[in-house]
N, C-alpha and C. Protein backbone atom coordinates (compact mmCIF):
# COMPACT_ATOMS: atom_id res chain seq x y z
N MET A 1 -10.17 20.82 14.35
CA MET A 1 -8.52 20.96 14.39
C MET A 1 -7.93 21.69 12.89
N SER A 2 -6.98 22.48 12.65
CA SER A 2 -6.07 22.97 11.96
C SER A 2 -5.83 22.27 10.79
N GLU A 3 -5.46 21.97 9.73
CA GLU A 3 -5.30 21.45 8.57
C GLU A 3 -4.03 20.97 8.47
N LEU A 4 -3.14 21.81 9.37
CA LEU A 4 -1.18 20.99 9.35
C LEU A 4 -1.62 20.19 10.69
N GLU A 5 -2.33 20.63 11.75
CA GLU A 5 -2.37 19.22 13.02
C GLU A 5 -3.24 17.99 12.67
N GLN A 6 -4.57 18.20 11.40
CA GLN A 6 -4.88 17.42 10.93
C GLN A 6 -3.28 16.59 10.30
N PHE A 7 -3.10 16.83 9.33
CA PHE A 7 -2.28 16.59 8.15
C PHE A 7 -1.09 15.66 9.31
N ARG A 8 -0.54 16.25 10.55
CA ARG A 8 0.38 15.67 11.02
C ARG A 8 0.00 14.70 11.85
N GLU A 9 -1.06 14.67 12.36
CA GLU A 9 -1.69 13.16 12.39
C GLU A 9 -1.77 12.11 11.50
N ILE A 10 -2.08 12.40 10.70
CA ILE A 10 -3.08 11.98 10.09
C ILE A 10 -1.17 10.65 9.26
N PHE A 11 -0.46 12.08 9.11
CA PHE A 11 0.77 11.54 8.51
C PHE A 11 1.72 10.34 9.46
N THR A 12 1.95 10.97 10.56
CA THR A 12 2.38 10.19 11.99
C THR A 12 1.76 9.08 12.18
N SER A 13 0.69 8.46 11.87
CA SER A 13 -0.42 7.04 11.76
C SER A 13 0.17 6.44 10.87
N CYS A 14 0.24 7.67 9.62
CA CYS A 14 0.65 6.12 8.87
C CYS A 14 1.40 5.71 8.35
N ASN A 15 2.27 6.69 8.76
CA ASN A 15 4.22 6.22 9.13
C ASN A 15 4.52 5.10 10.16
N ARG A 16 4.06 5.31 11.59
CA ARG A 16 3.85 4.54 12.24
C ARG A 16 3.24 3.16 11.98
N LYS A 17 2.14 3.24 11.70
CA LYS A 17 1.64 1.78 10.90
C LYS A 17 2.56 1.13 9.90
N TYR A 18 2.89 1.78 8.91
CA TYR A 18 3.81 1.47 7.92
C TYR A 18 5.56 0.26 9.04
N TRP A 19 5.73 1.68 9.87
CA TRP A 19 6.75 0.76 10.61
C TRP A 19 6.40 -0.21 11.08
N ASP A 20 5.72 -0.38 11.84
CA ASP A 20 4.75 -1.53 12.55
C ASP A 20 4.82 -2.39 11.70
N MET A 21 4.44 -2.56 10.33
CA MET A 21 4.71 -3.72 9.82
C MET A 21 5.73 -4.30 8.72
N LEU A 22 6.97 -3.30 8.37
CA LEU A 22 7.55 -3.44 7.91
C LEU A 22 8.24 -4.76 8.11
N ASP A 23 8.72 -5.49 9.44
CA ASP A 23 9.86 -6.34 9.58
C ASP A 23 8.90 -7.53 8.58
N THR A 24 7.20 -7.60 8.63
CA THR A 24 6.27 -8.78 7.72
C THR A 24 7.19 -8.43 6.75
N LEU A 25 6.69 -7.39 6.60
CA LEU A 25 6.81 -7.43 4.83
C LEU A 25 7.89 -7.73 3.99
N LYS A 26 9.27 -7.21 4.90
CA LYS A 26 10.82 -7.49 4.51
C LYS A 26 10.95 -8.92 4.53
N SER A 27 10.27 -9.38 5.39
CA SER A 27 10.18 -11.20 5.49
C SER A 27 9.32 -12.07 4.42
N ILE A 28 8.08 -11.22 4.63
CA ILE A 28 7.26 -11.66 3.26
C ILE A 28 7.81 -11.82 1.71
N SER A 29 8.71 -10.57 1.38
CA SER A 29 9.49 -10.38 0.18
C SER A 29 10.76 -11.10 0.01
N LYS A 30 11.19 -11.36 1.29
CA LYS A 30 12.92 -12.06 1.11
C LYS A 30 12.19 -13.76 1.45
N SER A 31 11.06 -14.07 1.45
CA SER A 31 10.72 -15.41 0.96
C SER A 31 10.69 -15.86 -0.23
N THR A 32 10.91 -17.14 -0.45
CA THR A 32 10.39 -17.79 -1.81
C THR A 32 9.58 -18.50 -2.18
N ASP A 33 8.33 -19.33 -0.73
CA ASP A 33 7.78 -19.76 -0.55
C ASP A 33 6.20 -19.17 -1.08
N ASP A 34 5.46 -20.37 -1.54
CA ASP A 34 4.10 -19.43 -1.49
C ASP A 34 3.48 -19.14 -0.81
N LEU A 35 2.67 -17.86 -0.69
CA LEU A 35 1.94 -16.69 0.22
C LEU A 35 1.24 -17.87 0.57
N ASN A 36 1.45 -17.73 2.44
CA ASN A 36 0.39 -18.63 3.01
C ASN A 36 -0.53 -17.83 3.24
N ASP A 37 -1.69 -18.23 4.29
CA ASP A 37 -2.60 -17.25 4.91
C ASP A 37 -2.09 -16.05 5.40
N GLN A 38 -1.49 -16.27 6.49
CA GLN A 38 -0.84 -15.38 7.54
C GLN A 38 -0.09 -14.43 6.61
N ASP A 39 0.49 -14.36 5.57
CA ASP A 39 1.32 -13.64 4.27
C ASP A 39 0.04 -13.03 3.63
N LYS A 40 -1.07 -13.85 3.34
CA LYS A 40 -1.79 -12.77 2.31
C LYS A 40 -2.35 -12.19 3.00
N SER A 41 -3.14 -12.09 4.70
CA SER A 41 -3.49 -11.27 5.99
C SER A 41 -2.51 -10.15 6.27
N ASN A 42 -0.81 -10.27 5.96
CA ASN A 42 -0.06 -9.34 6.57
C ASN A 42 0.07 -8.66 5.25
N LEU A 43 -0.58 -8.79 4.45
CA LEU A 43 -0.42 -7.90 2.78
C LEU A 43 -1.57 -7.45 2.59
N THR A 44 -2.15 -7.57 3.09
CA THR A 44 -4.25 -7.50 3.30
C THR A 44 -4.07 -6.01 3.55
N GLN A 45 -3.29 -6.22 5.17
CA GLN A 45 -3.05 -5.12 5.74
C GLN A 45 -2.48 -3.99 5.19
N TYR A 46 -1.40 -4.42 4.59
CA TYR A 46 -0.48 -3.17 3.87
C TYR A 46 -1.27 -2.37 3.02
N PHE A 47 -1.44 -3.43 2.14
CA PHE A 47 -3.08 -2.83 0.89
C PHE A 47 -4.17 -1.86 1.72
N ASN A 48 -4.26 -2.19 2.47
CA ASN A 48 -6.01 -1.03 3.38
C ASN A 48 -4.67 -0.26 4.06
N LEU A 49 -3.73 0.00 4.38
CA LEU A 49 -3.22 1.07 4.79
C LEU A 49 -2.98 2.15 3.33
N CYS A 50 -2.33 1.37 2.35
CA CYS A 50 -1.84 2.20 1.28
C CYS A 50 -3.17 2.49 0.66
N ALA A 51 -4.52 1.80 0.78
CA ALA A 51 -5.85 2.65 0.40
C ALA A 51 -6.14 3.37 1.04
N GLU A 52 -5.83 3.97 2.36
CA GLU A 52 -5.92 4.53 3.26
C GLU A 52 -5.62 5.94 3.39
N GLU A 53 -3.74 5.62 2.82
CA GLU A 53 -3.19 7.28 2.17
C GLU A 53 -3.91 7.71 1.23
N TYR A 54 -4.57 6.88 0.14
CA TYR A 54 -5.15 7.32 -0.89
C TYR A 54 -5.99 7.59 -1.09
N LEU A 55 -6.45 7.23 0.07
CA LEU A 55 -8.13 8.49 0.36
C LEU A 55 -8.01 9.53 0.77
N TYR A 56 -6.82 9.67 2.11
CA TYR A 56 -5.80 11.09 2.24
C TYR A 56 -5.87 12.21 1.43
N TYR A 57 -5.44 11.20 0.16
CA TYR A 57 -4.79 12.06 -0.75
C TYR A 57 -5.96 12.56 -1.49
N LYS A 58 -6.69 11.79 -1.88
CA LYS A 58 -8.09 12.13 -2.60
C LYS A 58 -8.76 13.44 -2.04
N LYS A 59 -9.05 13.06 -0.73
CA LYS A 59 -9.67 14.35 0.06
C LYS A 59 -8.70 15.44 0.77
N TYR A 60 -7.65 15.38 -0.34
CA TYR A 60 -6.89 16.46 -0.34
C TYR A 60 -6.68 17.06 1.43
N ILE A 61 -5.98 15.76 1.54
CA ILE A 61 -5.61 15.80 3.12
C ILE A 61 -3.90 15.36 3.43
N ILE A 62 -3.34 14.90 2.19
CA ILE A 62 -2.24 14.77 1.97
C ILE A 62 -1.60 14.95 0.88
N PRO A 63 -0.79 15.97 1.04
CA PRO A 63 -0.11 16.68 -0.28
C PRO A 63 0.21 15.79 -1.48
N SER A 64 0.26 16.49 -2.30
CA SER A 64 0.95 15.66 -3.58
C SER A 64 2.49 15.05 -3.32
N ASP A 65 3.00 15.97 -3.01
CA ASP A 65 4.74 15.58 -3.08
C ASP A 65 4.39 14.55 -1.68
N VAL A 66 3.87 14.46 -0.58
CA VAL A 66 3.59 13.18 -0.04
C VAL A 66 3.35 11.77 -0.07
N TRP A 67 2.45 12.27 -1.58
CA TRP A 67 1.19 11.35 -1.90
C TRP A 67 2.46 10.61 -3.09
N ASN A 68 2.94 11.34 -3.76
CA ASN A 68 4.10 10.89 -4.83
C ASN A 68 4.97 9.87 -3.98
N SER A 69 5.88 10.37 -2.99
CA SER A 69 7.11 9.94 -2.22
C SER A 69 6.19 8.45 -2.42
N TRP A 70 5.19 8.19 -0.86
CA TRP A 70 4.49 7.10 -0.75
C TRP A 70 4.00 6.01 -1.86
N SER A 71 3.44 6.83 -2.93
CA SER A 71 3.14 5.42 -4.00
C SER A 71 4.68 4.87 -4.37
N ILE A 72 5.59 5.36 -4.71
CA ILE A 72 7.16 5.28 -5.57
C ILE A 72 6.89 4.29 -4.57
N GLY A 73 6.84 4.38 -3.51
CA GLY A 73 7.15 3.05 -2.74
C GLY A 73 6.36 1.84 -2.40
N MET A 74 4.96 2.28 -2.61
CA MET A 74 4.27 1.34 -2.85
C MET A 74 4.10 0.57 -3.82
N LYS A 75 4.60 1.42 -5.34
CA LYS A 75 4.79 0.48 -6.81
C LYS A 75 6.12 -0.34 -6.71
N SER A 76 6.69 -0.32 -6.01
CA SER A 76 8.32 -0.57 -5.89
C SER A 76 7.62 -1.77 -4.83
N TYR A 77 7.40 -1.76 -3.94
CA TYR A 77 7.12 -2.91 -2.81
C TYR A 77 6.10 -4.05 -3.70
N ILE A 78 5.21 -3.61 -4.29
CA ILE A 78 3.98 -4.62 -5.16
C ILE A 78 5.00 -5.18 -5.64
N THR A 79 5.58 -4.63 -7.08
CA THR A 79 6.15 -4.87 -8.04
C THR A 79 7.45 -5.93 -8.37
N SER A 80 7.88 -5.66 -6.51
CA SER A 80 9.37 -6.42 -6.76
C SER A 80 8.98 -7.98 -6.36
N ASP A 81 8.04 -8.54 -6.24
CA ASP A 81 7.83 -9.70 -6.04
C ASP A 81 6.92 -10.75 -6.83
N GLU A 82 7.22 -10.99 -7.51
CA GLU A 82 5.61 -11.38 -8.49
C GLU A 82 4.48 -12.29 -7.57
N ARG A 83 4.75 -13.09 -6.36
CA ARG A 83 3.88 -13.08 -5.50
C ARG A 83 2.68 -12.12 -5.30
N ILE A 84 4.00 -11.16 -5.12
CA ILE A 84 2.98 -9.92 -3.78
C ILE A 84 2.00 -9.00 -5.16
N LYS A 85 2.93 -8.99 -6.46
CA LYS A 85 2.33 -8.74 -7.51
C LYS A 85 0.53 -9.13 -7.88
N GLU A 86 0.73 -10.30 -7.59
CA GLU A 86 0.37 -11.57 -8.10
C GLU A 86 -1.69 -11.44 -7.29
N TYR A 87 -0.54 -11.22 -5.94
CA TYR A 87 -1.73 -11.09 -4.71
C TYR A 87 -2.72 -9.77 -4.75
N TRP A 88 -1.66 -8.71 -4.99
CA TRP A 88 -2.49 -7.56 -5.30
C TRP A 88 -3.60 -7.11 -6.12
N LEU A 89 -3.00 -8.05 -7.41
CA LEU A 89 -3.63 -7.92 -8.80
C LEU A 89 -5.42 -8.59 -8.41
N GLU A 90 -5.08 -10.34 -7.99
CA GLU A 90 -6.57 -10.68 -6.81
C GLU A 90 -6.93 -9.37 -6.36
N GLU A 91 -6.34 -8.66 -5.05
CA GLU A 91 -7.42 -8.30 -4.19
C GLU A 91 -7.72 -7.31 -4.89
N VAL A 92 -6.95 -6.07 -5.76
CA VAL A 92 -7.86 -5.03 -6.26
C VAL A 92 -8.49 -5.41 -7.33
N SER A 93 -8.69 -6.69 -7.25
CA SER A 93 -9.94 -6.70 -8.96
C SER A 93 -11.45 -6.52 -7.78
N THR A 94 -11.32 -6.96 -6.61
CA THR A 94 -12.52 -6.85 -5.85
C THR A 94 -12.98 -4.92 -5.34
N ASP A 95 -12.23 -4.14 -6.22
CA ASP A 95 -12.87 -2.49 -6.21
C ASP A 95 -12.82 -2.56 -4.71
N SER A 96 -12.23 -3.08 -3.73
CA SER A 96 -12.39 -2.48 -2.72
C SER A 96 -11.48 -1.68 -1.91
N TYR A 97 -10.44 -1.13 -2.72
CA TYR A 97 -9.54 -0.22 -2.37
C TYR A 97 -9.19 1.16 -2.92
N TYR A 98 -10.52 1.66 -2.70
CA TYR A 98 -10.93 3.43 -3.12
C TYR A 98 -10.41 3.48 -4.65
N GLY A 99 -10.27 3.17 -5.30
CA GLY A 99 -9.87 3.39 -6.72
C GLY A 99 -7.62 3.46 -6.56
N ILE A 100 -7.13 2.62 -5.82
CA ILE A 100 -5.83 2.97 -5.68
C ILE A 100 -5.24 1.76 -6.59
N ASP A 101 -5.78 1.15 -7.57
CA ASP A 101 -5.35 0.30 -8.56
C ASP A 101 -4.56 1.47 -9.38
N LYS A 102 -5.88 2.06 -10.04
CA LYS A 102 -5.77 3.09 -11.16
C LYS A 102 -4.75 3.75 -11.06
N ALA A 103 -4.61 4.13 -9.74
CA ALA A 103 -3.34 5.66 -9.43
C ALA A 103 -2.19 4.64 -9.54
N LEU A 104 -2.40 3.87 -8.89
CA LEU A 104 -0.84 2.80 -8.92
C LEU A 104 -0.81 2.26 -10.47
N LYS A 105 -1.20 2.57 -11.14
CA LYS A 105 -1.55 1.27 -12.56
C LYS A 105 0.03 0.16 -13.11
N ILE A 106 -0.77 -0.32 -11.67
CA ILE A 106 0.26 -1.83 -12.07
C ILE A 106 -0.68 -3.07 -12.39
N HIS A 107 -0.01 -3.26 -13.58
CA HIS A 107 -0.89 -4.59 -14.45
C HIS A 107 -0.19 -5.88 -14.55
N LYS A 108 -1.47 -6.83 -14.99
CA LYS A 108 -0.51 -8.19 -15.02
C LYS A 108 0.02 -8.23 -16.37
N CYS A 109 1.62 -8.35 -16.26
CA CYS A 109 2.28 -8.34 -17.46
C CYS A 109 2.44 -9.78 -18.38
N ASN A 110 2.00 -9.45 -19.65
CA ASN A 110 1.32 -10.85 -20.39
C ASN A 110 2.48 -11.28 -20.68
N LYS A 111 2.62 -12.55 -21.00
CA LYS A 111 4.02 -13.29 -21.22
C LYS A 111 4.27 -13.71 -23.05
């Protein structure tokens, strides 16, 4: 498969996965309730997509301009809601997301 075909396939797949979960993510971020198990499962699915995209970037399949755009969106979403951010920090502490936590540089704020 040519590099362009590979990029197009991965880019399309990642964007489709994101759009498929967008309504659910919006619903979670609009809620003020504590995250329930289903919310956490949906967020974990999103975090896995983010990690997958990061892995493709690290393997030089996704160009840096695409990664930069995606990572801005990730940071914005993850930090826009303290509940989501706290769950993100809990999840990435397991070291199971290919090091994306270091790339996004989202840290707990000390008050």
